[in-house]
Full PDB file with SEQRES, HELIX, SHEET, SSBOND, CRYST1, ORIGX, SCALE, CONECT and MASTER records, all heavy atoms in Angstrom:
SEQRES   1 A   42  ARG ASP ALA THR TRP VAL THR SER HIS LEU ARG ARG THR          
SEQRES   2 A   42  ARG GLN THR ALA GLU ALA PHE ALA SER HIS ALA GLY PHE          
SEQRES   3 A   42  GLU LEU ALA GLU MET LEU VAL GLU PRO ARG LEU ALA GLU          
SEQRES   4 A   42  GLN GLY PHE                                                  
HELIX    1 AA1 ARG A   11  ALA A   24  1                                  14    
HELIX    2 AA2 PRO A   35  LEU A   37  5                                   3    
SHEET    1 AA1 2 VAL A   6  THR A   7  0                                        
SHEET    2 AA1 2 LEU A  32  VAL A  33  1                                        
CRYST1    1.000    1.000    1.000  90.00  90.00  90.00 P 1           1          
ORIGX1      1.000000  0.000000  0.000000        0.00000                         
ORIGX2      0.000000  1.000000  0.000000        0.00000                         
ORIGX3      0.000000  0.000000  1.000000        0.00000                         
SCALE1      1.000000  0.000000  0.000000        0.00000                         
SCALE2      0.000000  1.000000  0.000000        0.00000                         
SCALE3      0.000000  0.000000  1.000000        0.00000                         
ATOM      1  N   ARG A   1       0.811  -1.202  -0.009  1.00  0.00           N  
ATOM      2  CA  ARG A   1      -0.028  -0.011   0.037  1.00  0.00           C  
ATOM      3  C   ARG A   1       0.824   1.254  -0.040  1.00  0.00           C  
ATOM      4  O   ARG A   1       0.418   2.346  -0.479  1.00  0.00           O  
ATOM      5  CB  ARG A   1      -0.929  -0.008   1.280  1.00  0.00           C  
ATOM      6  CG  ARG A   1      -1.919  -1.150   1.267  1.00  0.00           C  
ATOM      7  CD  ARG A   1      -2.873  -1.081  -0.037  1.00  0.00           C  
ATOM      8  NE  ARG A   1      -3.862  -2.089   0.019  1.00  0.00           N  
ATOM      9  CZ  ARG A   1      -3.859  -3.241  -0.502  1.00  0.00           C  
ATOM     10  NH1 ARG A   1      -2.681  -3.583  -1.139  1.00  0.00           N  
ATOM     11  NH2 ARG A   1      -4.851  -4.045  -0.541  1.00  0.00           N  
ATOM     12  N   ASP A   2       2.055   1.205   0.484  1.00  0.00           N  
ATOM     13  CA  ASP A   2       2.929   2.330   0.621  1.00  0.00           C  
ATOM     14  C   ASP A   2       4.113   2.149  -0.341  1.00  0.00           C  
ATOM     15  O   ASP A   2       5.155   1.771   0.094  1.00  0.00           O  
ATOM     16  CB  ASP A   2       3.345   2.576   2.031  1.00  0.00           C  
ATOM     17  CG  ASP A   2       4.203   3.850   2.212  1.00  0.00           C  
ATOM     18  OD1 ASP A   2       4.080   4.743   1.239  1.00  0.00           O  
ATOM     19  OD2 ASP A   2       4.916   3.951   3.185  1.00  0.00           O  
ATOM     20  N   ALA A   3       3.929   2.431  -1.612  1.00  0.00           N  
ATOM     21  CA  ALA A   3       4.925   2.112  -2.551  1.00  0.00           C  
ATOM     22  C   ALA A   3       5.047   3.252  -3.535  1.00  0.00           C  
ATOM     23  O   ALA A   3       4.129   4.059  -3.751  1.00  0.00           O  
ATOM     24  CB  ALA A   3       4.586   0.873  -3.421  1.00  0.00           C  
ATOM     25  N   THR A   4       6.187   3.335  -4.235  1.00  0.00           N  
ATOM     26  CA  THR A   4       6.396   4.276  -5.371  1.00  0.00           C  
ATOM     27  C   THR A   4       5.953   3.623  -6.585  1.00  0.00           C  
ATOM     28  O   THR A   4       6.506   2.481  -6.907  1.00  0.00           O  
ATOM     29  CB  THR A   4       7.913   4.666  -5.480  1.00  0.00           C  
ATOM     30  OG1 THR A   4       8.333   5.376  -4.287  1.00  0.00           O  
ATOM     31  CG2 THR A   4       8.075   5.564  -6.653  1.00  0.00           C  
ATOM     32  N   TRP A   5       4.940   4.198  -7.299  1.00  0.00           N  
ATOM     33  CA  TRP A   5       4.541   3.554  -8.500  1.00  0.00           C  
ATOM     34  C   TRP A   5       5.140   4.235  -9.802  1.00  0.00           C  
ATOM     35  O   TRP A   5       5.204   5.447  -9.820  1.00  0.00           O  
ATOM     36  CB  TRP A   5       2.948   3.736  -8.568  1.00  0.00           C  
ATOM     37  CG  TRP A   5       2.216   2.735  -7.756  1.00  0.00           C  
ATOM     38  CD1 TRP A   5       2.155   2.736  -6.421  1.00  0.00           C  
ATOM     39  CD2 TRP A   5       1.409   1.699  -8.189  1.00  0.00           C  
ATOM     40  NE1 TRP A   5       1.382   1.666  -5.958  1.00  0.00           N  
ATOM     41  CE2 TRP A   5       0.892   0.948  -7.011  1.00  0.00           C  
ATOM     42  CE3 TRP A   5       1.098   1.245  -9.517  1.00  0.00           C  
ATOM     43  CZ2 TRP A   5       0.061  -0.075  -7.142  1.00  0.00           C  
ATOM     44  CZ3 TRP A   5       0.185   0.076  -9.560  1.00  0.00           C  
ATOM     45  CH2 TRP A   5      -0.226  -0.556  -8.451  1.00  0.00           C  
ATOM     46  N   VAL A   6       5.528   3.380 -10.693  1.00  0.00           N  
ATOM     47  CA  VAL A   6       6.230   3.926 -11.820  1.00  0.00           C  
ATOM     48  C   VAL A   6       5.588   3.193 -13.123  1.00  0.00           C  
ATOM     49  O   VAL A   6       5.306   2.023 -13.035  1.00  0.00           O  
ATOM     50  CB  VAL A   6       7.735   3.550 -11.828  1.00  0.00           C  
ATOM     51  CG1 VAL A   6       8.433   4.190 -13.073  1.00  0.00           C  
ATOM     52  CG2 VAL A   6       8.403   4.007 -10.570  1.00  0.00           C  
ATOM     53  N   THR A   7       5.276   4.049 -14.122  1.00  0.00           N  
ATOM     54  CA  THR A   7       4.845   3.443 -15.374  1.00  0.00           C  
ATOM     55  C   THR A   7       5.768   3.918 -16.558  1.00  0.00           C  
ATOM     56  O   THR A   7       6.588   4.767 -16.317  1.00  0.00           O  
ATOM     57  CB  THR A   7       3.359   3.934 -15.693  1.00  0.00           C  
ATOM     58  OG1 THR A   7       3.407   5.259 -16.058  1.00  0.00           O  
ATOM     59  CG2 THR A   7       2.501   3.579 -14.549  1.00  0.00           C  
ATOM     60  N   SER A   8       5.684   3.274 -17.651  1.00  0.00           N  
ATOM     61  CA  SER A   8       6.275   3.877 -18.806  1.00  0.00           C  
ATOM     62  C   SER A   8       5.443   5.074 -19.340  1.00  0.00           C  
ATOM     63  O   SER A   8       4.376   5.372 -18.722  1.00  0.00           O  
ATOM     64  CB  SER A   8       6.408   2.844 -19.938  1.00  0.00           C  
ATOM     65  OG  SER A   8       5.164   2.590 -20.620  1.00  0.00           O  
ATOM     66  N   HIS A   9       5.810   5.624 -20.411  1.00  0.00           N  
ATOM     67  CA  HIS A   9       5.062   6.786 -20.892  1.00  0.00           C  
ATOM     68  C   HIS A   9       3.882   6.305 -21.749  1.00  0.00           C  
ATOM     69  O   HIS A   9       3.139   7.194 -22.270  1.00  0.00           O  
ATOM     70  CB  HIS A   9       5.950   7.754 -21.748  1.00  0.00           C  
ATOM     71  CG  HIS A   9       6.459   7.117 -22.907  1.00  0.00           C  
ATOM     72  ND1 HIS A   9       7.374   6.102 -22.943  1.00  0.00           N  
ATOM     73  CD2 HIS A   9       6.237   7.457 -24.265  1.00  0.00           C  
ATOM     74  CE1 HIS A   9       7.672   5.768 -24.221  1.00  0.00           C  
ATOM     75  NE2 HIS A   9       6.944   6.582 -24.980  1.00  0.00           N  
ATOM     76  N   LEU A  10       3.803   5.059 -22.039  1.00  0.00           N  
ATOM     77  CA  LEU A  10       2.742   4.529 -22.819  1.00  0.00           C  
ATOM     78  C   LEU A  10       1.426   4.289 -21.976  1.00  0.00           C  
ATOM     79  O   LEU A  10       1.455   3.760 -20.906  1.00  0.00           O  
ATOM     80  CB  LEU A  10       3.119   3.208 -23.514  1.00  0.00           C  
ATOM     81  CG  LEU A  10       4.397   3.354 -24.392  1.00  0.00           C  
ATOM     82  CD1 LEU A  10       4.876   2.045 -24.861  1.00  0.00           C  
ATOM     83  CD2 LEU A  10       4.206   4.352 -25.539  1.00  0.00           C  
ATOM     84  N   ARG A  11       0.324   4.829 -22.593  1.00  0.00           N  
ATOM     85  CA  ARG A  11      -0.915   4.938 -21.778  1.00  0.00           C  
ATOM     86  C   ARG A  11      -1.442   3.551 -21.239  1.00  0.00           C  
ATOM     87  O   ARG A  11      -2.088   3.551 -20.245  1.00  0.00           O  
ATOM     88  CB  ARG A  11      -1.983   5.705 -22.443  1.00  0.00           C  
ATOM     89  CG  ARG A  11      -2.514   5.089 -23.685  1.00  0.00           C  
ATOM     90  CD  ARG A  11      -3.595   6.014 -24.327  1.00  0.00           C  
ATOM     91  NE  ARG A  11      -4.116   5.495 -25.626  1.00  0.00           N  
ATOM     92  CZ  ARG A  11      -3.646   5.904 -26.821  1.00  0.00           C  
ATOM     93  NH1 ARG A  11      -2.680   6.783 -26.848  1.00  0.00           N  
ATOM     94  NH2 ARG A  11      -4.129   5.419 -27.860  1.00  0.00           N  
ATOM     95  N   ARG A  12      -1.090   2.467 -21.924  1.00  0.00           N  
ATOM     96  CA  ARG A  12      -1.590   1.098 -21.422  1.00  0.00           C  
ATOM     97  C   ARG A  12      -1.034   0.811 -20.057  1.00  0.00           C  
ATOM     98  O   ARG A  12      -1.675   0.146 -19.316  1.00  0.00           O  
ATOM     99  CB  ARG A  12      -1.328   0.070 -22.493  1.00  0.00           C  
ATOM    100  CG  ARG A  12       0.183  -0.150 -22.873  1.00  0.00           C  
ATOM    101  CD  ARG A  12       0.226  -1.145 -23.998  1.00  0.00           C  
ATOM    102  NE  ARG A  12       1.527  -1.494 -24.505  1.00  0.00           N  
ATOM    103  CZ  ARG A  12       2.187  -0.824 -25.470  1.00  0.00           C  
ATOM    104  NH1 ARG A  12       1.608   0.150 -26.088  1.00  0.00           N  
ATOM    105  NH2 ARG A  12       3.403  -1.252 -25.856  1.00  0.00           N  
ATOM    106  N   THR A  13       0.112   1.323 -19.699  1.00  0.00           N  
ATOM    107  CA  THR A  13       0.622   1.099 -18.412  1.00  0.00           C  
ATOM    108  C   THR A  13      -0.119   1.827 -17.333  1.00  0.00           C  
ATOM    109  O   THR A  13      -0.280   1.361 -16.314  1.00  0.00           O  
ATOM    110  CB  THR A  13       2.166   1.363 -18.360  1.00  0.00           C  
ATOM    111  OG1 THR A  13       2.481   2.686 -18.665  1.00  0.00           O  
ATOM    112  CG2 THR A  13       2.914   0.383 -19.234  1.00  0.00           C  
ATOM    113  N   ARG A  14      -0.482   3.108 -17.589  1.00  0.00           N  
ATOM    114  CA  ARG A  14      -1.182   3.904 -16.697  1.00  0.00           C  
ATOM    115  C   ARG A  14      -2.583   3.305 -16.460  1.00  0.00           C  
ATOM    116  O   ARG A  14      -3.076   3.253 -15.353  1.00  0.00           O  
ATOM    117  CB  ARG A  14      -1.259   5.354 -17.039  1.00  0.00           C  
ATOM    118  CG  ARG A  14      -1.965   6.193 -15.994  1.00  0.00           C  
ATOM    119  CD  ARG A  14      -2.034   7.685 -16.351  1.00  0.00           C  
ATOM    120  NE  ARG A  14      -2.706   8.355 -15.324  1.00  0.00           N  
ATOM    121  CZ  ARG A  14      -2.051   8.880 -14.324  1.00  0.00           C  
ATOM    122  NH1 ARG A  14      -0.763   8.784 -14.170  1.00  0.00           N  
ATOM    123  NH2 ARG A  14      -2.740   9.590 -13.371  1.00  0.00           N  
ATOM    124  N   GLN A  15      -3.213   2.903 -17.626  1.00  0.00           N  
ATOM    125  CA  GLN A  15      -4.500   2.383 -17.467  1.00  0.00           C  
ATOM    126  C   GLN A  15      -4.466   1.059 -16.605  1.00  0.00           C  
ATOM    127  O   GLN A  15      -5.362   0.794 -15.785  1.00  0.00           O  
ATOM    128  CB  GLN A  15      -5.064   1.977 -18.937  1.00  0.00           C  
ATOM    129  CG  GLN A  15      -5.353   3.136 -19.806  1.00  0.00           C  
ATOM    130  CD  GLN A  15      -5.514   2.825 -21.199  1.00  0.00           C  
ATOM    131  OE1 GLN A  15      -5.148   1.589 -21.658  1.00  0.00           O  
ATOM    132  NE2 GLN A  15      -6.050   3.700 -22.001  1.00  0.00           N  
ATOM    133  N   THR A  16      -3.442   0.282 -16.740  1.00  0.00           N  
ATOM    134  CA  THR A  16      -3.351  -0.960 -15.952  1.00  0.00           C  
ATOM    135  C   THR A  16      -3.051  -0.603 -14.468  1.00  0.00           C  
ATOM    136  O   THR A  16      -3.635  -1.234 -13.560  1.00  0.00           O  
ATOM    137  CB  THR A  16      -2.225  -1.835 -16.495  1.00  0.00           C  
ATOM    138  OG1 THR A  16      -2.493  -2.141 -17.895  1.00  0.00           O  
ATOM    139  CG2 THR A  16      -2.083  -3.150 -15.723  1.00  0.00           C  
ATOM    140  N   ALA A  17      -2.221   0.383 -14.228  1.00  0.00           N  
ATOM    141  CA  ALA A  17      -1.921   0.732 -12.843  1.00  0.00           C  
ATOM    142  C   ALA A  17      -3.148   1.240 -12.163  1.00  0.00           C  
ATOM    143  O   ALA A  17      -3.420   0.815 -11.001  1.00  0.00           O  
ATOM    144  CB  ALA A  17      -0.894   1.844 -12.801  1.00  0.00           C  
ATOM    145  N   GLU A  18      -4.045   2.020 -12.827  1.00  0.00           N  
ATOM    146  CA  GLU A  18      -5.188   2.541 -12.152  1.00  0.00           C  
ATOM    147  C   GLU A  18      -6.193   1.356 -11.952  1.00  0.00           C  
ATOM    148  O   GLU A  18      -6.861   1.306 -10.869  1.00  0.00           O  
ATOM    149  CB  GLU A  18      -5.878   3.527 -13.078  1.00  0.00           C  
ATOM    150  CG  GLU A  18      -5.037   4.845 -13.152  1.00  0.00           C  
ATOM    151  CD  GLU A  18      -5.552   5.795 -14.255  1.00  0.00           C  
ATOM    152  OE1 GLU A  18      -6.313   5.372 -15.113  1.00  0.00           O  
ATOM    153  OE2 GLU A  18      -5.154   6.939 -14.249  1.00  0.00           O  
ATOM    154  N   ALA A  19      -6.199   0.331 -12.809  1.00  0.00           N  
ATOM    155  CA  ALA A  19      -7.107  -0.818 -12.660  1.00  0.00           C  
ATOM    156  C   ALA A  19      -6.614  -1.608 -11.365  1.00  0.00           C  
ATOM    157  O   ALA A  19      -7.508  -2.049 -10.594  1.00  0.00           O  
ATOM    158  CB  ALA A  19      -7.111  -1.604 -13.872  1.00  0.00           C  
ATOM    159  N   PHE A  20      -5.419  -1.873 -11.306  1.00  0.00           N  
ATOM    160  CA  PHE A  20      -4.829  -2.542 -10.174  1.00  0.00           C  
ATOM    161  C   PHE A  20      -5.074  -1.865  -8.854  1.00  0.00           C  
ATOM    162  O   PHE A  20      -5.527  -2.402  -7.865  1.00  0.00           O  
ATOM    163  CB  PHE A  20      -3.376  -2.799 -10.265  1.00  0.00           C  
ATOM    164  CG  PHE A  20      -3.040  -4.113 -10.918  1.00  0.00           C  
ATOM    165  CD1 PHE A  20      -2.580  -4.105 -12.245  1.00  0.00           C  
ATOM    166  CD2 PHE A  20      -3.323  -5.350 -10.390  1.00  0.00           C  
ATOM    167  CE1 PHE A  20      -2.230  -5.210 -12.908  1.00  0.00           C  
ATOM    168  CE2 PHE A  20      -2.922  -6.525 -11.029  1.00  0.00           C  
ATOM    169  CZ  PHE A  20      -2.466  -6.540 -12.282  1.00  0.00           C  
ATOM    170  N   ALA A  21      -4.912  -0.526  -8.843  1.00  0.00           N  
ATOM    171  CA  ALA A  21      -5.192   0.279  -7.595  1.00  0.00           C  
ATOM    172  C   ALA A  21      -6.643   0.166  -7.257  1.00  0.00           C  
ATOM    173  O   ALA A  21      -7.038   0.099  -6.073  1.00  0.00           O  
ATOM    174  CB  ALA A  21      -4.811   1.715  -7.798  1.00  0.00           C  
ATOM    175  N   SER A  22      -7.536   0.181  -8.189  1.00  0.00           N  
ATOM    176  CA  SER A  22      -8.969   0.109  -7.906  1.00  0.00           C  
ATOM    177  C   SER A  22      -9.288  -1.225  -7.346  1.00  0.00           C  
ATOM    178  O   SER A  22     -10.119  -1.281  -6.388  1.00  0.00           O  
ATOM    179  CB  SER A  22      -9.760   0.324  -9.335  1.00  0.00           C  
ATOM    180  OG  SER A  22     -11.072   0.111  -9.079  1.00  0.00           O  
ATOM    181  N   HIS A  23      -8.804  -2.284  -7.858  1.00  0.00           N  
ATOM    182  CA  HIS A  23      -9.063  -3.605  -7.323  1.00  0.00           C  
ATOM    183  C   HIS A  23      -8.472  -3.911  -5.994  1.00  0.00           C  
ATOM    184  O   HIS A  23      -8.858  -4.686  -5.182  1.00  0.00           O  
ATOM    185  CB  HIS A  23      -8.658  -4.655  -8.375  1.00  0.00           C  
ATOM    186  CG  HIS A  23      -9.630  -4.779  -9.459  1.00  0.00           C  
ATOM    187  ND1 HIS A  23     -10.800  -5.396  -9.474  1.00  0.00           N  
ATOM    188  CD2 HIS A  23      -9.497  -4.323 -10.788  1.00  0.00           C  
ATOM    189  CE1 HIS A  23     -11.405  -5.283 -10.622  1.00  0.00           C  
ATOM    190  NE2 HIS A  23     -10.576  -4.646 -11.458  1.00  0.00           N  
ATOM    191  N   ALA A  24      -7.292  -3.120  -5.725  1.00  0.00           N  
ATOM    192  CA  ALA A  24      -6.596  -3.297  -4.419  1.00  0.00           C  
ATOM    193  C   ALA A  24      -7.216  -2.330  -3.387  1.00  0.00           C  
ATOM    194  O   ALA A  24      -6.986  -2.477  -2.242  1.00  0.00           O  
ATOM    195  CB  ALA A  24      -5.181  -2.951  -4.590  1.00  0.00           C  
ATOM    196  N   GLY A  25      -8.123  -1.478  -3.777  1.00  0.00           N  
ATOM    197  CA  GLY A  25      -8.890  -0.594  -2.824  1.00  0.00           C  
ATOM    198  C   GLY A  25      -8.121   0.591  -2.361  1.00  0.00           C  
ATOM    199  O   GLY A  25      -8.345   1.029  -1.243  1.00  0.00           O  
ATOM    200  N   PHE A  26      -7.171   1.155  -3.194  1.00  0.00           N  
ATOM    201  CA  PHE A  26      -6.519   2.401  -2.801  1.00  0.00           C  
ATOM    202  C   PHE A  26      -6.384   3.370  -3.997  1.00  0.00           C  
ATOM    203  O   PHE A  26      -6.450   2.806  -5.116  1.00  0.00           O  
ATOM    204  CB  PHE A  26      -5.142   2.117  -2.099  1.00  0.00           C  
ATOM    205  CG  PHE A  26      -4.201   1.382  -3.040  1.00  0.00           C  
ATOM    206  CD1 PHE A  26      -3.355   2.078  -3.901  1.00  0.00           C  
ATOM    207  CD2 PHE A  26      -4.100   0.038  -2.909  1.00  0.00           C  
ATOM    208  CE1 PHE A  26      -2.418   1.462  -4.681  1.00  0.00           C  
ATOM    209  CE2 PHE A  26      -3.099  -0.625  -3.692  1.00  0.00           C  
ATOM    210  CZ  PHE A  26      -2.338   0.096  -4.622  1.00  0.00           C  
ATOM    211  N   GLU A  27      -6.151   4.600  -3.765  1.00  0.00           N  
ATOM    212  CA  GLU A  27      -5.967   5.570  -4.758  1.00  0.00           C  
ATOM    213  C   GLU A  27      -4.540   5.842  -5.009  1.00  0.00           C  
ATOM    214  O   GLU A  27      -3.735   5.846  -4.076  1.00  0.00           O  
ATOM    215  CB  GLU A  27      -6.720   6.902  -4.349  1.00  0.00           C  
ATOM    216  CG  GLU A  27      -8.256   6.845  -4.294  1.00  0.00           C  
ATOM    217  CD  GLU A  27      -8.835   8.171  -4.081  1.00  0.00           C  
ATOM    218  OE1 GLU A  27      -8.145   9.196  -4.042  1.00  0.00           O  
ATOM    219  OE2 GLU A  27     -10.054   8.144  -3.891  1.00  0.00           O  
ATOM    220  N   LEU A  28      -4.216   6.024  -6.240  1.00  0.00           N  
ATOM    221  CA  LEU A  28      -2.869   6.427  -6.621  1.00  0.00           C  
ATOM    222  C   LEU A  28      -2.694   7.904  -6.643  1.00  0.00           C  
ATOM    223  O   LEU A  28      -3.228   8.556  -7.503  1.00  0.00           O  
ATOM    224  CB  LEU A  28      -2.498   5.850  -7.964  1.00  0.00           C  
ATOM    225  CG  LEU A  28      -2.352   4.325  -8.014  1.00  0.00           C  
ATOM    226  CD1 LEU A  28      -2.137   3.913  -9.442  1.00  0.00           C  
ATOM    227  CD2 LEU A  28      -1.241   3.859  -7.165  1.00  0.00           C  
ATOM    228  N   ALA A  29      -1.999   8.427  -5.630  1.00  0.00           N  
ATOM    229  CA  ALA A  29      -1.856   9.963  -5.583  1.00  0.00           C  
ATOM    230  C   ALA A  29      -0.948  10.433  -6.648  1.00  0.00           C  
ATOM    231  O   ALA A  29      -1.184  11.455  -7.172  1.00  0.00           O  
ATOM    232  CB  ALA A  29      -1.328  10.298  -4.188  1.00  0.00           C  
ATOM    233  N   GLU A  30       0.072   9.611  -6.874  1.00  0.00           N  
ATOM    234  CA  GLU A  30       1.036  10.083  -7.953  1.00  0.00           C  
ATOM    235  C   GLU A  30       1.714   8.874  -8.582  1.00  0.00           C  
ATOM    236  O   GLU A  30       1.958   7.888  -7.906  1.00  0.00           O  
ATOM    237  CB  GLU A  30       2.080  11.006  -7.268  1.00  0.00           C  
ATOM    238  CG  GLU A  30       3.159  11.534  -8.254  1.00  0.00           C  
ATOM    239  CD  GLU A  30       4.114  12.344  -7.596  1.00  0.00           C  
ATOM    240  OE1 GLU A  30       4.134  12.420  -6.358  1.00  0.00           O  
ATOM    241  OE2 GLU A  30       5.100  12.924  -8.257  1.00  0.00           O  
ATOM    242  N   MET A  31       2.035   8.981  -9.843  1.00  0.00           N  
ATOM    243  CA  MET A  31       2.763   7.894 -10.520  1.00  0.00           C  
ATOM    244  C   MET A  31       3.924   8.622 -11.302  1.00  0.00           C  
ATOM    245  O   MET A  31       3.696   9.635 -11.976  1.00  0.00           O  
ATOM    246  CB  MET A  31       1.906   7.099 -11.534  1.00  0.00           C  
ATOM    247  CG  MET A  31       0.950   6.107 -10.933  1.00  0.00           C  
ATOM    248  SD  MET A  31       0.143   5.089 -12.043  1.00  0.00           S  
ATOM    249  CE  MET A  31      -1.215   6.120 -12.545  1.00  0.00           C  
ATOM    250  N   LEU A  32       5.092   7.917 -11.063  1.00  0.00           N  
ATOM    251  CA  LEU A  32       6.267   8.473 -11.881  1.00  0.00           C  
ATOM    252  C   LEU A  32       6.147   7.920 -13.249  1.00  0.00           C  
ATOM    253  O   LEU A  32       5.767   6.746 -13.430  1.00  0.00           O  
ATOM    254  CB  LEU A  32       7.533   8.035 -11.220  1.00  0.00           C  
ATOM    255  CG  LEU A  32       7.725   8.489  -9.745  1.00  0.00           C  
ATOM    256  CD1 LEU A  32       9.087   7.952  -9.223  1.00  0.00           C  
ATOM    257  CD2 LEU A  32       7.663   9.998  -9.550  1.00  0.00           C  
ATOM    258  N   VAL A  33       6.615   8.663 -14.262  1.00  0.00           N  
ATOM    259  CA  VAL A  33       6.583   8.263 -15.580  1.00  0.00           C  
ATOM    260  C   VAL A  33       8.077   8.113 -15.967  1.00  0.00           C  
ATOM    261  O   VAL A  33       8.846   9.090 -15.966  1.00  0.00           O  
ATOM    262  CB  VAL A  33       5.866   9.221 -16.529  1.00  0.00           C  
ATOM    263  CG1 VAL A  33       6.082   8.791 -18.051  1.00  0.00           C  
ATOM    264  CG2 VAL A  33       4.435   9.328 -16.148  1.00  0.00           C  
ATOM    265  N   GLU A  34       8.435   6.839 -16.471  1.00  0.00           N  
ATOM    266  CA  GLU A  34       9.822   6.590 -16.925  1.00  0.00           C  
ATOM    267  C   GLU A  34       9.820   6.053 -18.242  1.00  0.00           C  
ATOM    268  O   GLU A  34       9.549   4.859 -18.504  1.00  0.00           O  
ATOM    269  CB  GLU A  34      10.447   5.550 -15.908  1.00  0.00           C  
ATOM    270  CG  GLU A  34      11.873   5.171 -16.272  1.00  0.00           C  
ATOM    271  CD  GLU A  34      12.808   6.304 -16.577  1.00  0.00           C  
ATOM    272  OE1 GLU A  34      13.255   7.030 -15.682  1.00  0.00           O  
ATOM    273  OE2 GLU A  34      13.008   6.402 -17.891  1.00  0.00           O  
ATOM    274  N   PRO A  35      10.105   6.869 -19.288  1.00  0.00           N  
ATOM    275  CA  PRO A  35      10.058   6.439 -20.708  1.00  0.00           C  
ATOM    276  C   PRO A  35      11.010   5.242 -20.954  1.00  0.00           C  
ATOM    277  O   PRO A  35      10.770   4.473 -21.870  1.00  0.00           O  
ATOM    278  CB  PRO A  35      10.375   7.687 -21.427  1.00  0.00           C  
ATOM    279  CG  PRO A  35      10.039   8.847 -20.547  1.00  0.00           C  
ATOM    280  CD  PRO A  35      10.350   8.327 -19.192  1.00  0.00           C  
ATOM    281  N   ARG A  36      12.104   5.154 -20.204  1.00  0.00           N  
ATOM    282  CA  ARG A  36      13.068   4.086 -20.461  1.00  0.00           C  
ATOM    283  C   ARG A  36      12.517   2.644 -20.204  1.00  0.00           C  
ATOM    284  O   ARG A  36      13.118   1.643 -20.441  1.00  0.00           O  
ATOM    285  CB  ARG A  36      14.332   4.314 -19.748  1.00  0.00           C  
ATOM    286  CG  ARG A  36      15.168   5.487 -20.264  1.00  0.00           C  
ATOM    287  CD  ARG A  36      16.323   5.796 -19.441  1.00  0.00           C  
ATOM    288  NE  ARG A  36      15.894   6.292 -18.042  1.00  0.00           N  
ATOM    289  CZ  ARG A  36      16.760   6.672 -17.155  1.00  0.00           C  
ATOM    290  NH1 ARG A  36      18.088   6.591 -17.329  1.00  0.00           N  
ATOM    291  NH2 ARG A  36      16.283   7.085 -15.968  1.00  0.00           N  
ATOM    292  N   LEU A  37      11.329   2.638 -19.491  1.00  0.00           N  
ATOM    293  CA  LEU A  37      10.657   1.304 -19.261  1.00  0.00           C  
ATOM    294  C   LEU A  37       9.652   0.965 -20.309  1.00  0.00           C  
ATOM    295  O   LEU A  37       8.894  -0.016 -20.180  1.00  0.00           O  
ATOM    296  CB  LEU A  37       9.910   1.436 -17.854  1.00  0.00           C  
ATOM    297  CG  LEU A  37      10.895   1.611 -16.587  1.00  0.00           C  
ATOM    298  CD1 LEU A  37      10.025   1.582 -15.392  1.00  0.00           C  
ATOM    299  CD2 LEU A  37      11.973   0.575 -16.547  1.00  0.00           C  
ATOM    300  N   ALA A  38       9.616   1.653 -21.439  1.00  0.00           N  
ATOM    301  CA  ALA A  38       8.773   1.331 -22.509  1.00  0.00           C  
ATOM    302  C   ALA A  38       9.154   0.016 -23.207  1.00  0.00           C  
ATOM    303  O   ALA A  38      10.199  -0.538 -22.965  1.00  0.00           O  
ATOM    304  CB  ALA A  38       8.734   2.402 -23.535  1.00  0.00           C  
ATOM    305  N   GLU A  39       8.260  -0.550 -23.945  1.00  0.00           N  
ATOM    306  CA  GLU A  39       8.417  -1.729 -24.725  1.00  0.00           C  
ATOM    307  C   GLU A  39       9.518  -1.558 -25.763  1.00  0.00           C  
ATOM    308  O   GLU A  39       9.822  -0.425 -26.116  1.00  0.00           O  
ATOM    309  CB  GLU A  39       7.141  -2.216 -25.309  1.00  0.00           C  
ATOM    310  CG  GLU A  39       7.152  -3.573 -26.041  1.00  0.00           C  
ATOM    311  CD  GLU A  39       7.702  -4.745 -25.177  1.00  0.00           C  
ATOM    312  OE1 GLU A  39       8.898  -4.818 -24.954  1.00  0.00           O  
ATOM    313  OE2 GLU A  39       6.906  -5.516 -24.759  1.00  0.00           O  
ATOM    314  N   GLN A  40      10.115  -2.662 -26.197  1.00  0.00           N  
ATOM    315  CA  GLN A  40      11.070  -2.613 -27.311  1.00  0.00           C  
ATOM    316  C   GLN A  40      10.469  -1.982 -28.509  1.00  0.00           C  
ATOM    317  O   GLN A  40       9.314  -2.226 -28.875  1.00  0.00           O  
ATOM    318  CB  GLN A  40      11.519  -4.010 -27.623  1.00  0.00           C  
ATOM    319  CG  GLN A  40      12.609  -4.112 -28.671  1.00  0.00           C  
ATOM    320  CD  GLN A  40      13.005  -5.522 -28.976  1.00  0.00           C  
ATOM    321  OE1 GLN A  40      12.701  -6.476 -28.153  1.00  0.00           O  
ATOM    322  NE2 GLN A  40      13.750  -5.741 -30.031  1.00  0.00           N  
ATOM    323  N   GLY A  41      11.235  -1.050 -29.125  1.00  0.00           N  
ATOM    324  CA  GLY A  41      10.757  -0.499 -30.373  1.00  0.00           C  
ATOM    325  C   GLY A  41      11.169  -1.301 -31.595  1.00  0.00           C  
ATOM    326  O   GLY A  41      12.356  -1.575 -31.796  1.00  0.00           O  
ATOM    327  N   PHE A  42      10.067  -1.632 -32.349  1.00  0.00           N  
ATOM    328  CA  PHE A  42      10.324  -2.374 -33.515  1.00  0.00           C  
ATOM    329  C   PHE A  42      10.289  -1.621 -34.887  1.00  0.00           C  
ATOM    330  O   PHE A  42      10.355  -2.191 -35.979  1.00  0.00           O  
ATOM    331  CB  PHE A  42       9.293  -3.493 -33.672  1.00  0.00           C  
ATOM    332  CG  PHE A  42       9.351  -4.537 -32.602  1.00  0.00           C  
ATOM    333  CD1 PHE A  42       8.634  -4.450 -31.437  1.00  0.00           C  
ATOM    334  CD2 PHE A  42      10.343  -5.571 -32.721  1.00  0.00           C  
ATOM    335  CE1 PHE A  42       8.677  -5.416 -30.393  1.00  0.00           C  
ATOM    336  CE2 PHE A  42      10.452  -6.573 -31.713  1.00  0.00           C  
ATOM    337  CZ  PHE A  42       9.731  -6.492 -30.566  1.00  0.00           C  
TER     338      PHE A  42                                                      
MASTER        0    0    0    2    2    0    0    6  337    1    0    4          
END                                                                             
């Protein structure tokens, strides 16, 4: 419950983070965005 949340800059990761927070019963006050965690570019 007390963690630093980080997503890539791609919106599917933020959508997923928000879904997990909802099912875990807590709100995400802030999420860090780290573009270097994005998927491999093809």
